[in-house]
Amino acid sequence: MRQVIVAFERQSNCDRLREMLESTGEFTCLTCRAGAQVKRTVHKLRLDLVVCGFKLADESCEALYGDLPQRCAMLMVAPQAQLDLCASAGVFKLPTPVRRSELLASVRLLAQLTQAREAPVRRSEEERELVEQAKTALMAQSGMTEEQAHRFLQKRSMDCGLRMADTARQVLDEIKPGRDA
């Protein structure tokens, strides 16, 4: 089960959202009513998912978001007028009244995003060497800097939906058509 912090100024809102999330059996919730309490809980338990309202007893949730570790994701559940006041691009927003299915879909998505952040991609030595060879070839053929070559490989990898090593292999095959695979 995934732990989620549910933080609202009013306890009744905490209870209502906690019930919606815990009813699936996928989540357990810790409720908080103040930003300081959220910060302590995030740091003490290393949690990374916060569902909150527009403001808490001691600060706005937007200000709270700025104080949380970068690994944290925040879903703000509030009336649309209040969501429009939140300028933080990293805060995910869900307007009230919220349906249970919308809330669950949003929290599941954020849980997947935070899990993806936790699992860094590890390349084998062979894959790292392929990426380095492709960068060197791009630098020689196109006059790119190492950073430009790396960005080129990253962008192409994302555009094509391939792993970086596979993209590097493609680039090397394009640059050196007679190369053995």
C-alpha atoms as a PDB file:
ATOM      1  CA  MET A   1       0.000   0.000   0.000  1.00  0.00           C
ATOM      2  CA  ARG A   2       1.139   3.496  -0.817  1.00  0.00           C
ATOM      3  CA  GLN A   3       1.131   6.154   1.912  1.00  0.00           C
ATOM      4  CA  VAL A   4      -0.373   9.529   1.070  1.00  0.00           C
ATOM      5  CA  ILE A   5      -0.543  12.713   3.129  1.00  0.00           C
ATOM      6  CA  VAL A   6      -4.007  14.287   3.075  1.00  0.00           C
ATOM      7  CA  ALA A   7      -3.807  17.891   4.267  1.00  0.00           C
ATOM      8  CA  PHE A   8      -6.764  20.249   4.659  1.00  0.00           C
ATOM      9  CA  GLU A   9      -7.563  23.053   7.035  1.00  0.00           C
ATOM     10  CA  ARG A  10     -10.856  21.405   8.003  1.00  0.00           C
ATOM     11  CA  GLN A  11     -10.773  17.950   9.536  1.00  0.00           C
ATOM     12  CA  SER A  12     -14.022  16.991   7.764  1.00  0.00           C
ATOM     13  CA  ASN A  13     -12.298  17.484   4.384  1.00  0.00           C
ATOM     14  CA  CYS A  14      -9.348  15.371   5.516  1.00  0.00           C
ATOM     15  CA  ASP A  15     -11.697  12.617   6.624  1.00  0.00           C
ATOM     16  CA  ARG A  16     -13.749  12.663   3.406  1.00  0.00           C
ATOM     17  CA  LEU A  17     -10.736  12.418   1.083  1.00  0.00           C
ATOM     18  CA  ARG A  18      -9.002   9.879   3.319  1.00  0.00           C
ATOM     19  CA  GLU A  19     -12.100   7.657   3.144  1.00  0.00           C
ATOM     20  CA  MET A  20     -12.208   7.920  -0.666  1.00  0.00           C
ATOM     21  CA  LEU A  21      -8.559   6.963  -1.015  1.00  0.00           C
ATOM     22  CA  GLU A  22      -8.442   4.226   1.607  1.00  0.00           C
ATOM     23  CA  SER A  23     -11.634   2.560   0.343  1.00  0.00           C
ATOM     24  CA  THR A  24      -9.669   1.175  -2.620  1.00  0.00           C
ATOM     25  CA  GLY A  25      -7.184  -0.679  -0.443  1.00  0.00           C
ATOM     26  CA  GLU A  26      -4.354   0.890  -2.501  1.00  0.00           C
ATOM     27  CA  PHE A  27      -3.582   3.780  -0.164  1.00  0.00           C
ATOM     28  CA  THR A  28      -3.168   4.516   3.508  1.00  0.00           C
ATOM     29  CA  CYS A  29      -3.493   8.132   4.504  1.00  0.00           C
ATOM     30  CA  LEU A  30      -1.954  10.336   7.153  1.00  0.00           C
ATOM     31  CA  THR A  31      -3.977  13.479   7.787  1.00  0.00           C
ATOM     32  CA  CYS A  32      -2.488  16.879   8.562  1.00  0.00           C
ATOM     33  CA  ARG A  33      -4.038  20.293   9.097  1.00  0.00           C
ATOM     34  CA  ALA A  34      -0.929  22.494   9.096  1.00  0.00           C
ATOM     35  CA  GLY A  35       1.993  22.957   6.714  1.00  0.00           C
ATOM     36  CA  ALA A  36       4.543  22.430   9.474  1.00  0.00           C
ATOM     37  CA  GLN A  37       2.953  19.064  10.236  1.00  0.00           C
ATOM     38  CA  VAL A  38       3.120  18.074   6.542  1.00  0.00           C
ATOM     39  CA  LYS A  39       6.817  19.027   6.342  1.00  0.00           C
ATOM     40  CA  ARG A  40       7.676  17.017   9.463  1.00  0.00           C
ATOM     41  CA  THR A  41       5.771  13.990   8.166  1.00  0.00           C
ATOM     42  CA  VAL A  42       7.358  14.179   4.692  1.00  0.00           C
ATOM     43  CA  HIS A  43      10.866  14.347   6.144  1.00  0.00           C
ATOM     44  CA  LYS A  44      10.382  11.838   8.953  1.00  0.00           C
ATOM     45  CA  LEU A  45       8.654   9.150   6.873  1.00  0.00           C
ATOM     46  CA  ARG A  46      10.190  10.080   3.477  1.00  0.00           C
ATOM     47  CA  LEU A  47       6.768  10.351   1.881  1.00  0.00           C
ATOM     48  CA  ASP A  48       6.403  11.946  -1.528  1.00  0.00           C
ATOM     49  CA  LEU A  49       2.693  12.364  -2.245  1.00  0.00           C
ATOM     50  CA  VAL A  50       0.525  15.138  -0.774  1.00  0.00           C
ATOM     51  CA  VAL A  51      -3.171  15.727  -1.482  1.00  0.00           C
ATOM     52  CA  CYS A  52      -4.258  19.065  -0.084  1.00  0.00           C
ATOM     53  CA  GLY A  53      -6.649  21.988  -0.233  1.00  0.00           C
ATOM     54  CA  PHE A  54      -5.788  25.574  -1.160  1.00  0.00           C
ATOM     55  CA  LYS A  55      -4.589  26.546   2.306  1.00  0.00           C
ATOM     56  CA  LEU A  56      -3.804  25.046   5.666  1.00  0.00           C
ATOM     57  CA  ALA A  57      -3.981  26.455   9.177  1.00  0.00           C
ATOM     58  CA  ASP A  58      -0.515  28.052   8.978  1.00  0.00           C
ATOM     59  CA  GLU A  59       0.241  28.625   5.278  1.00  0.00           C
ATOM     60  CA  SER A  60      -0.976  28.268   1.713  1.00  0.00           C
ATOM     61  CA  CYS A  61      -0.387  24.942   0.050  1.00  0.00           C
ATOM     62  CA  GLU A  62       1.478  26.712  -2.743  1.00  0.00           C
ATOM     63  CA  ALA A  63       3.986  28.025  -0.185  1.00  0.00           C
ATOM     64  CA  LEU A  64       4.156  24.543   1.343  1.00  0.00           C
ATOM     65  CA  TYR A  65       4.943  23.057  -2.072  1.00  0.00           C
ATOM     66  CA  GLY A  66       7.961  25.337  -2.366  1.00  0.00           C
ATOM     67  CA  ASP A  67       9.307  23.994   0.942  1.00  0.00           C
ATOM     68  CA  LEU A  68       8.881  20.299   0.118  1.00  0.00           C
ATOM     69  CA  PRO A  69      11.691  18.150  -1.295  1.00  0.00           C
ATOM     70  CA  GLN A  70      11.812  17.960  -5.079  1.00  0.00           C
ATOM     71  CA  ARG A  71      10.780  14.294  -4.999  1.00  0.00           C
ATOM     72  CA  CYS A  72       7.319  15.273  -3.693  1.00  0.00           C
ATOM     73  CA  ALA A  73       4.224  15.590  -5.842  1.00  0.00           C
ATOM     74  CA  MET A  74       1.247  17.674  -4.766  1.00  0.00           C
ATOM     75  CA  LEU A  75      -2.384  17.423  -5.833  1.00  0.00           C
ATOM     76  CA  MET A  76      -4.401  20.500  -4.850  1.00  0.00           C
ATOM     77  CA  VAL A  77      -8.134  19.867  -4.566  1.00  0.00           C
ATOM     78  CA  ALA A  78     -10.070  23.137  -4.384  1.00  0.00           C
ATOM     79  CA  PRO A  79     -12.682  25.291  -6.149  1.00  0.00           C
ATOM     80  CA  GLN A  80     -11.564  26.369  -9.624  1.00  0.00           C
ATOM     81  CA  ALA A  81     -11.274  30.029  -8.571  1.00  0.00           C
ATOM     82  CA  GLN A  82      -8.709  29.094  -5.918  1.00  0.00           C
ATOM     83  CA  LEU A  83      -6.840  26.750  -8.279  1.00  0.00           C
ATOM     84  CA  ASP A  84      -6.504  29.662 -10.719  1.00  0.00           C
ATOM     85  CA  LEU A  85      -4.663  31.621  -8.005  1.00  0.00           C
ATOM     86  CA  CYS A  86      -1.972  28.939  -7.696  1.00  0.00           C
ATOM     87  CA  ALA A  87       0.896  29.866 -10.013  1.00  0.00           C
ATOM     88  CA  SER A  88       3.226  26.943  -9.224  1.00  0.00           C
ATOM     89  CA  ALA A  89       3.604  24.892 -12.377  1.00  0.00           C
ATOM     90  CA  GLY A  90       4.557  21.772 -10.408  1.00  0.00           C
ATOM     91  CA  VAL A  91       1.297  21.606  -8.440  1.00  0.00           C
ATOM     92  CA  PHE A  92      -1.302  19.311  -9.977  1.00  0.00           C
ATOM     93  CA  LYS A  93      -4.849  20.630  -9.637  1.00  0.00           C
ATOM     94  CA  LEU A  94      -8.266  19.031  -9.368  1.00  0.00           C
ATOM     95  CA  PRO A  95     -11.375  21.234  -9.128  1.00  0.00           C
ATOM     96  CA  THR A  96     -14.154  20.595  -6.633  1.00  0.00           C
ATOM     97  CA  PRO A  97     -16.673  19.120  -6.463  1.00  0.00           C
ATOM     98  CA  VAL A  98     -14.510  16.096  -7.081  1.00  0.00           C
ATOM     99  CA  ARG A  99     -15.761  12.688  -8.086  1.00  0.00           C
ATOM    100  CA  ARG A 100     -14.208   9.661  -6.427  1.00  0.00           C
ATOM    101  CA  SER A 101     -13.080   8.239  -9.795  1.00  0.00           C
ATOM    102  CA  GLU A 102     -11.302  11.505 -10.722  1.00  0.00           C
ATOM    103  CA  LEU A 103      -9.545  11.669  -7.373  1.00  0.00           C
ATOM    104  CA  LEU A 104      -8.394   8.056  -7.547  1.00  0.00           C
ATOM    105  CA  ALA A 105      -7.176   8.409 -11.142  1.00  0.00           C
ATOM    106  CA  SER A 106      -5.229  11.560 -10.259  1.00  0.00           C
ATOM    107  CA  VAL A 107      -3.609  10.073  -7.147  1.00  0.00           C
ATOM    108  CA  ARG A 108      -2.729   6.858  -8.995  1.00  0.00           C
ATOM    109  CA  LEU A 109      -1.073   8.883 -11.753  1.00  0.00           C
ATOM    110  CA  LEU A 110       0.932  10.950  -9.263  1.00  0.00           C
ATOM    111  CA  ALA A 111       1.955   7.788  -7.428  1.00  0.00           C
ATOM    112  CA  GLN A 112       3.304   6.373 -10.707  1.00  0.00           C
ATOM    113  CA  LEU A 113       5.151   9.610 -11.447  1.00  0.00           C
ATOM    114  CA  THR A 114       6.831   9.691  -8.050  1.00  0.00           C
ATOM    115  CA  GLN A 115       7.796   6.015  -8.343  1.00  0.00           C
ATOM    116  CA  ALA A 116       9.347   6.677 -11.755  1.00  0.00           C
ATOM    117  CA  ARG A 117      11.436   9.484 -10.228  1.00  0.00           C
ATOM    118  CA  GLU A 118      12.750   7.104  -7.563  1.00  0.00           C
ATOM    119  CA  ALA A 119      14.044   4.499 -10.009  1.00  0.00           C
ATOM    120  CA  PRO A 120      16.981   6.000 -11.882  1.00  0.00           C
ATOM    121  CA  VAL A 121      17.931   4.350 -15.139  1.00  0.00           C
ATOM    122  CA  ARG A 122      21.085   2.306 -14.758  1.00  0.00           C
ATOM    123  CA  ARG A 123      23.042   1.592 -17.898  1.00  0.00           C
ATOM    124  CA  SER A 124      25.493  -1.251 -18.287  1.00  0.00           C
ATOM    125  CA  GLU A 125      29.111  -0.473 -19.103  1.00  0.00           C
ATOM    126  CA  GLU A 126      28.463  -1.535 -22.701  1.00  0.00           C
ATOM    127  CA  GLU A 127      25.480   0.833 -22.966  1.00  0.00           C
ATOM    128  CA  ARG A 128      27.471   3.729 -21.493  1.00  0.00           C
ATOM    129  CA  GLU A 129      30.226   3.060 -24.024  1.00  0.00           C
ATOM    130  CA  LEU A 130      27.686   3.070 -26.887  1.00  0.00           C
ATOM    131  CA  VAL A 131      26.334   6.450 -25.735  1.00  0.00           C
ATOM    132  CA  GLU A 132      29.866   7.854 -25.486  1.00  0.00           C
ATOM    133  CA  GLN A 133      30.732   6.552 -28.974  1.00  0.00           C
ATOM    134  CA  ALA A 134      27.583   8.138 -30.435  1.00  0.00           C
ATOM    135  CA  LYS A 135      28.348  11.460 -28.741  1.00  0.00           C
ATOM    136  CA  THR A 136      31.922  11.371 -30.067  1.00  0.00           C
ATOM    137  CA  ALA A 137      30.682  10.576 -33.582  1.00  0.00           C
ATOM    138  CA  LEU A 138      28.117  13.413 -33.460  1.00  0.00           C
ATOM    139  CA  MET A 139      30.761  15.824 -32.228  1.00  0.00           C
ATOM    140  CA  ALA A 140      33.146  14.835 -35.048  1.00  0.00           C
ATOM    141  CA  GLN A 141      30.564  14.825 -37.836  1.00  0.00           C
ATOM    142  CA  SER A 142      28.343  17.754 -36.833  1.00  0.00           C
ATOM    143  CA  GLY A 143      30.678  19.939 -34.787  1.00  0.00           C
ATOM    144  CA  MET A 144      28.473  19.617 -31.676  1.00  0.00           C
ATOM    145  CA  THR A 145      29.792  20.085 -28.171  1.00  0.00           C
ATOM    146  CA  GLU A 146      29.528  17.092 -25.834  1.00  0.00           C
ATOM    147  CA  GLU A 147      26.532  18.687 -24.122  1.00  0.00           C
ATOM    148  CA  GLN A 148      24.786  19.325 -27.463  1.00  0.00           C
ATOM    149  CA  ALA A 149      25.434  15.751 -28.571  1.00  0.00           C
ATOM    150  CA  HIS A 150      24.051  14.424 -25.273  1.00  0.00           C
ATOM    151  CA  ARG A 151      20.921  16.584 -25.585  1.00  0.00           C
ATOM    152  CA  PHE A 152      20.477  15.464 -29.187  1.00  0.00           C
ATOM    153  CA  LEU A 153      20.569  11.818 -28.101  1.00  0.00           C
ATOM    154  CA  GLN A 154      18.181  12.486 -25.204  1.00  0.00           C
ATOM    155  CA  LYS A 155      15.661  14.313 -27.364  1.00  0.00           C
ATOM    156  CA  ARG A 156      15.769  11.748 -30.139  1.00  0.00           C
ATOM    157  CA  SER A 157      15.438   8.982 -27.569  1.00  0.00           C
ATOM    158  CA  MET A 158      12.325  10.597 -26.068  1.00  0.00           C
ATOM    159  CA  ASP A 159      10.829  11.427 -29.485  1.00  0.00           C
ATOM    160  CA  CYS A 160      11.254   7.847 -30.684  1.00  0.00           C
ATOM    161  CA  GLY A 161      10.340   6.210 -27.371  1.00  0.00           C
ATOM    162  CA  LEU A 162      13.636   4.340 -27.244  1.00  0.00           C
ATOM    163  CA  ARG A 163      16.200   3.804 -24.539  1.00  0.00           C
ATOM    164  CA  MET A 164      19.262   6.031 -24.836  1.00  0.00           C
ATOM    165  CA  ALA A 165      21.555   3.085 -25.718  1.00  0.00           C
ATOM    166  CA  ASP A 166      19.231   2.004 -28.548  1.00  0.00           C
ATOM    167  CA  THR A 167      19.184   5.557 -29.896  1.00  0.00           C
ATOM    168  CA  ALA A 168      22.984   5.699 -29.697  1.00  0.00           C
ATOM    169  CA  ARG A 169      23.152   2.426 -31.652  1.00  0.00           C
ATOM    170  CA  GLN A 170      20.851   3.912 -34.346  1.00  0.00           C
ATOM    171  CA  VAL A 171      22.934   7.081 -34.600  1.00  0.00           C
ATOM    172  CA  LEU A 172      26.147   5.062 -34.948  1.00  0.00           C
ATOM    173  CA  ASP A 173      24.545   2.911 -37.654  1.00  0.00           C
ATOM    174  CA  GLU A 174      23.463   6.057 -39.534  1.00  0.00           C
ATOM    175  CA  ILE A 175      26.862   7.733 -39.253  1.00  0.00           C
ATOM    176  CA  LYS A 176      28.875   4.587 -39.997  1.00  0.00           C
ATOM    177  CA  PRO A 177      26.708   2.408 -42.279  1.00  0.00           C
ATOM    178  CA  GLY A 178      29.352  -0.332 -42.526  1.00  0.00           C
ATOM    179  CA  ARG A 179      29.595  -0.716 -38.711  1.00  0.00           C
ATOM    180  CA  ASP A 180      28.942  -4.204 -37.281  1.00  0.00           C
ATOM    181  CA  ALA A 181      26.007  -4.374 -34.898  1.00  0.00           C
END
